[in-house]
Amino acid sequence: MNALEEGRALELDFGKLASISQGGLLVLPVALQNADTGEVLFIGYANQQALSETLSTRQAVLWSTSRNELWHKGAHSGDLLDLVEVRVNCEQNSLVYRVRPRQGGVCHTLDAEGNARTGCYYRSLEGDGAPLSELDFGAGR
């Protein structure tokens, strides 16, 4: 078990964007949202190249901050995200990719039954210092 991804301790990374900026990398945060259900699937990052690839392929392409390379979501796993729409916020400093998943799994973590989760937001925070609670969405979530 990966404690950060599956545990109940709160370990928010408030330094993530600072570490990206320090490297001189110009990226925007991207919220990926299921266009049919409205569920926020996960947050990623896009540089100009990732955005251009997303628009030309009509599939979600992001910038992997951990691997320092373009990441075509689902290219290896088959969990492709077809692009429905790109939205830009009022300050033009973040994006929303409204997408349609081709198959069930989106998150790289698995639920208790070993199924790929359809989104990465499967825990809730009730209060400061409280443990994270796992949400029960049923099989495949």
C-alpha atoms as a PDB file:
ATOM      1  CA  MET A   1       0.000   0.000   0.000  1.00  0.00           C
ATOM      2  CA  ASN A   2       1.232   3.473  -0.844  1.00  0.00           C
ATOM      3  CA  ALA A   3       0.488   5.562   2.275  1.00  0.00           C
ATOM      4  CA  LEU A   4       0.235   8.839   0.354  1.00  0.00           C
ATOM      5  CA  GLU A   5      -2.216   7.480  -2.211  1.00  0.00           C
ATOM      6  CA  GLU A   6      -4.226   5.058  -0.098  1.00  0.00           C
ATOM      7  CA  GLY A   7      -3.699   6.091   3.521  1.00  0.00           C
ATOM      8  CA  ARG A   8      -5.858   8.231   5.754  1.00  0.00           C
ATOM      9  CA  ALA A   9      -3.214  10.780   6.841  1.00  0.00           C
ATOM     10  CA  LEU A  10      -3.481  14.261   5.331  1.00  0.00           C
ATOM     11  CA  GLU A  11      -0.225  15.143   3.514  1.00  0.00           C
ATOM     12  CA  LEU A  12      -1.103  18.002   1.140  1.00  0.00           C
ATOM     13  CA  ASP A  13       1.719  19.208  -1.134  1.00  0.00           C
ATOM     14  CA  PHE A  14       1.435  23.003  -1.003  1.00  0.00           C
ATOM     15  CA  GLY A  15       4.909  23.318  -2.565  1.00  0.00           C
ATOM     16  CA  LYS A  16       4.047  21.535  -5.846  1.00  0.00           C
ATOM     17  CA  LEU A  17       3.637  24.617  -8.018  1.00  0.00           C
ATOM     18  CA  ALA A  18       6.612  26.351  -6.414  1.00  0.00           C
ATOM     19  CA  SER A  19       8.862  23.421  -7.345  1.00  0.00           C
ATOM     20  CA  ILE A  20       7.544  23.461 -10.915  1.00  0.00           C
ATOM     21  CA  SER A  21       8.090  27.216 -11.228  1.00  0.00           C
ATOM     22  CA  GLN A  22      11.605  26.995  -9.800  1.00  0.00           C
ATOM     23  CA  GLY A  23      12.555  24.693 -12.655  1.00  0.00           C
ATOM     24  CA  GLY A  24      11.550  27.360 -15.137  1.00  0.00           C
ATOM     25  CA  LEU A  25       8.785  25.166 -16.539  1.00  0.00           C
ATOM     26  CA  LEU A  26       5.765  27.129 -17.728  1.00  0.00           C
ATOM     27  CA  VAL A  27       2.663  25.073 -16.970  1.00  0.00           C
ATOM     28  CA  LEU A  28      -0.970  25.638 -16.081  1.00  0.00           C
ATOM     29  CA  PRO A  29      -3.038  23.467 -13.750  1.00  0.00           C
ATOM     30  CA  VAL A  30      -5.706  21.472 -15.598  1.00  0.00           C
ATOM     31  CA  ALA A  31      -8.796  20.019 -13.943  1.00  0.00           C
ATOM     32  CA  LEU A  32     -10.014  16.996 -15.885  1.00  0.00           C
ATOM     33  CA  GLN A  33     -13.771  16.638 -15.619  1.00  0.00           C
ATOM     34  CA  ASN A  34     -16.073  13.908 -16.899  1.00  0.00           C
ATOM     35  CA  ALA A  35     -18.255  15.756 -19.425  1.00  0.00           C
ATOM     36  CA  ASP A  36     -21.197  13.417 -18.799  1.00  0.00           C
ATOM     37  CA  THR A  37     -21.255  13.210 -14.991  1.00  0.00           C
ATOM     38  CA  GLY A  38     -19.475  16.421 -13.952  1.00  0.00           C
ATOM     39  CA  GLU A  39     -17.112  14.406 -11.707  1.00  0.00           C
ATOM     40  CA  VAL A  40     -13.620  15.891 -11.348  1.00  0.00           C
ATOM     41  CA  LEU A  41     -11.348  13.019 -12.343  1.00  0.00           C
ATOM     42  CA  PHE A  42      -7.944  14.458 -11.413  1.00  0.00           C
ATOM     43  CA  ILE A  43      -5.718  17.533 -11.693  1.00  0.00           C
ATOM     44  CA  GLY A  44      -2.831  17.649 -14.128  1.00  0.00           C
ATOM     45  CA  TYR A  45      -0.618  20.239 -15.767  1.00  0.00           C
ATOM     46  CA  ALA A  46      -0.254  21.448 -19.341  1.00  0.00           C
ATOM     47  CA  ASN A  47       2.428  23.411 -21.089  1.00  0.00           C
ATOM     48  CA  GLN A  48       1.863  24.901 -24.555  1.00  0.00           C
ATOM     49  CA  GLN A  49       2.921  21.685 -26.287  1.00  0.00           C
ATOM     50  CA  ALA A  50       0.529  19.542 -24.214  1.00  0.00           C
ATOM     51  CA  LEU A  51      -2.358  21.904 -24.933  1.00  0.00           C
ATOM     52  CA  SER A  52      -1.575  21.910 -28.670  1.00  0.00           C
ATOM     53  CA  GLU A  53      -1.441  18.089 -28.708  1.00  0.00           C
ATOM     54  CA  THR A  54      -4.729  17.919 -26.795  1.00  0.00           C
ATOM     55  CA  LEU A  55      -6.441  20.187 -29.299  1.00  0.00           C
ATOM     56  CA  SER A  56      -5.036  18.413 -32.361  1.00  0.00           C
ATOM     57  CA  THR A  57      -5.588  14.809 -31.173  1.00  0.00           C
ATOM     58  CA  ARG A  58      -8.862  15.561 -29.293  1.00  0.00           C
ATOM     59  CA  GLN A  59      -7.517  13.441 -26.403  1.00  0.00           C
ATOM     60  CA  ALA A  60      -6.136  14.555 -23.039  1.00  0.00           C
ATOM     61  CA  VAL A  61      -2.402  15.227 -23.202  1.00  0.00           C
ATOM     62  CA  LEU A  62      -0.656  16.667 -20.151  1.00  0.00           C
ATOM     63  CA  TRP A  63       2.808  17.523 -18.906  1.00  0.00           C
ATOM     64  CA  SER A  64       4.102  14.946 -16.436  1.00  0.00           C
ATOM     65  CA  THR A  65       5.825  16.883 -13.672  1.00  0.00           C
ATOM     66  CA  SER A  66       7.324  13.701 -12.212  1.00  0.00           C
ATOM     67  CA  ARG A  67       8.758  12.393 -15.511  1.00  0.00           C
ATOM     68  CA  ASN A  68       9.358  15.819 -17.090  1.00  0.00           C
ATOM     69  CA  GLU A  69       7.752  14.797 -20.391  1.00  0.00           C
ATOM     70  CA  LEU A  70       4.509  14.863 -22.358  1.00  0.00           C
ATOM     71  CA  TRP A  71       1.942  12.417 -21.030  1.00  0.00           C
ATOM     72  CA  HIS A  72      -0.762  11.176 -23.402  1.00  0.00           C
ATOM     73  CA  LYS A  73      -3.240   9.915 -20.801  1.00  0.00           C
ATOM     74  CA  GLY A  74      -4.086   6.291 -21.555  1.00  0.00           C
ATOM     75  CA  ALA A  75      -1.427   5.685 -24.201  1.00  0.00           C
ATOM     76  CA  HIS A  76      -0.103   2.708 -22.191  1.00  0.00           C
ATOM     77  CA  SER A  77      -3.092   1.775 -20.004  1.00  0.00           C
ATOM     78  CA  GLY A  78      -5.825   2.199 -22.602  1.00  0.00           C
ATOM     79  CA  ASP A  79      -7.619   4.647 -20.280  1.00  0.00           C
ATOM     80  CA  LEU A  80      -7.905   7.297 -23.011  1.00  0.00           C
ATOM     81  CA  LEU A  81      -9.806  10.504 -22.345  1.00  0.00           C
ATOM     82  CA  ASP A  82     -11.539  11.917 -25.426  1.00  0.00           C
ATOM     83  CA  LEU A  83     -11.718  15.704 -25.413  1.00  0.00           C
ATOM     84  CA  VAL A  84     -15.153  17.312 -25.472  1.00  0.00           C
ATOM     85  CA  GLU A  85     -14.174  20.884 -24.607  1.00  0.00           C
ATOM     86  CA  VAL A  86     -11.383  23.024 -23.137  1.00  0.00           C
ATOM     87  CA  ARG A  87     -12.432  25.810 -20.782  1.00  0.00           C
ATOM     88  CA  VAL A  88     -10.237  28.698 -19.657  1.00  0.00           C
ATOM     89  CA  ASN A  89     -10.763  30.464 -16.309  1.00  0.00           C
ATOM     90  CA  CYS A  90     -11.260  34.227 -15.929  1.00  0.00           C
ATOM     91  CA  GLU A  91      -7.586  34.924 -15.116  1.00  0.00           C
ATOM     92  CA  GLN A  92      -6.366  32.577 -17.874  1.00  0.00           C
ATOM     93  CA  ASN A  93      -4.137  30.743 -15.422  1.00  0.00           C
ATOM     94  CA  SER A  94      -5.892  27.355 -15.344  1.00  0.00           C
ATOM     95  CA  LEU A  95      -7.837  25.084 -17.675  1.00  0.00           C
ATOM     96  CA  VAL A  96     -10.615  22.525 -17.518  1.00  0.00           C
ATOM     97  CA  TYR A  97     -10.497  19.632 -19.946  1.00  0.00           C
ATOM     98  CA  ARG A  98     -14.044  18.273 -20.216  1.00  0.00           C
ATOM     99  CA  VAL A  99     -13.452  14.691 -21.303  1.00  0.00           C
ATOM    100  CA  ARG A 100     -15.234  11.435 -21.958  1.00  0.00           C
ATOM    101  CA  PRO A 101     -13.386   8.338 -20.647  1.00  0.00           C
ATOM    102  CA  ARG A 102     -13.324   5.458 -23.139  1.00  0.00           C
ATOM    103  CA  GLN A 103     -13.395   2.826 -20.386  1.00  0.00           C
ATOM    104  CA  GLY A 104     -13.924   2.641 -16.630  1.00  0.00           C
ATOM    105  CA  GLY A 105     -10.532   3.289 -15.043  1.00  0.00           C
ATOM    106  CA  VAL A 106      -8.955   6.731 -14.841  1.00  0.00           C
ATOM    107  CA  CYS A 107      -6.962   6.774 -11.589  1.00  0.00           C
ATOM    108  CA  HIS A 108      -3.840   4.624 -11.244  1.00  0.00           C
ATOM    109  CA  THR A 109      -4.944   3.458  -7.781  1.00  0.00           C
ATOM    110  CA  LEU A 110      -7.293   0.531  -7.224  1.00  0.00           C
ATOM    111  CA  ASP A 111     -10.236   0.149  -4.871  1.00  0.00           C
ATOM    112  CA  ALA A 112     -10.481  -2.597  -2.215  1.00  0.00           C
ATOM    113  CA  GLU A 113     -11.765  -5.069  -4.831  1.00  0.00           C
ATOM    114  CA  GLY A 114      -8.831  -4.379  -7.164  1.00  0.00           C
ATOM    115  CA  ASN A 115     -10.825  -2.334  -9.700  1.00  0.00           C
ATOM    116  CA  ALA A 116      -9.446   0.800 -11.299  1.00  0.00           C
ATOM    117  CA  ARG A 117     -11.103   3.907  -9.882  1.00  0.00           C
ATOM    118  CA  THR A 118     -13.053   6.160 -12.247  1.00  0.00           C
ATOM    119  CA  GLY A 119     -11.645   9.265 -10.543  1.00  0.00           C
ATOM    120  CA  CYS A 120      -8.848  10.217  -8.153  1.00  0.00           C
ATOM    121  CA  TYR A 121     -11.018  12.077  -5.596  1.00  0.00           C
ATOM    122  CA  TYR A 122     -12.131   9.094  -3.508  1.00  0.00           C
ATOM    123  CA  ARG A 123     -11.341  10.401  -0.005  1.00  0.00           C
ATOM    124  CA  SER A 124     -12.944  13.221   1.968  1.00  0.00           C
ATOM    125  CA  LEU A 125     -11.535  15.536   4.627  1.00  0.00           C
ATOM    126  CA  GLU A 126     -13.855  16.156   7.572  1.00  0.00           C
ATOM    127  CA  GLY A 127     -11.752  18.495   9.711  1.00  0.00           C
ATOM    128  CA  ASP A 128      -8.279  19.736  10.544  1.00  0.00           C
ATOM    129  CA  GLY A 129      -6.229  16.846  11.926  1.00  0.00           C
ATOM    130  CA  ALA A 130      -8.972  14.304  11.172  1.00  0.00           C
ATOM    131  CA  PRO A 131      -8.128  11.184   9.180  1.00  0.00           C
ATOM    132  CA  LEU A 132      -9.251  11.000   5.579  1.00  0.00           C
ATOM    133  CA  SER A 133     -12.441   9.036   4.974  1.00  0.00           C
ATOM    134  CA  GLU A 134     -12.726   6.796   1.951  1.00  0.00           C
ATOM    135  CA  LEU A 135     -15.865   7.421  -0.051  1.00  0.00           C
ATOM    136  CA  ASP A 136     -17.901   4.377  -1.061  1.00  0.00           C
ATOM    137  CA  PHE A 137     -18.936   4.730  -4.688  1.00  0.00           C
ATOM    138  CA  GLY A 138     -19.481   1.021  -5.312  1.00  0.00           C
ATOM    139  CA  ALA A 139     -17.568  -1.334  -7.594  1.00  0.00           C
ATOM    140  CA  GLY A 140     -15.194   0.174 -10.116  1.00  0.00           C
ATOM    141  CA  ARG A 141     -14.951   3.534  -8.393  1.00  0.00           C
END
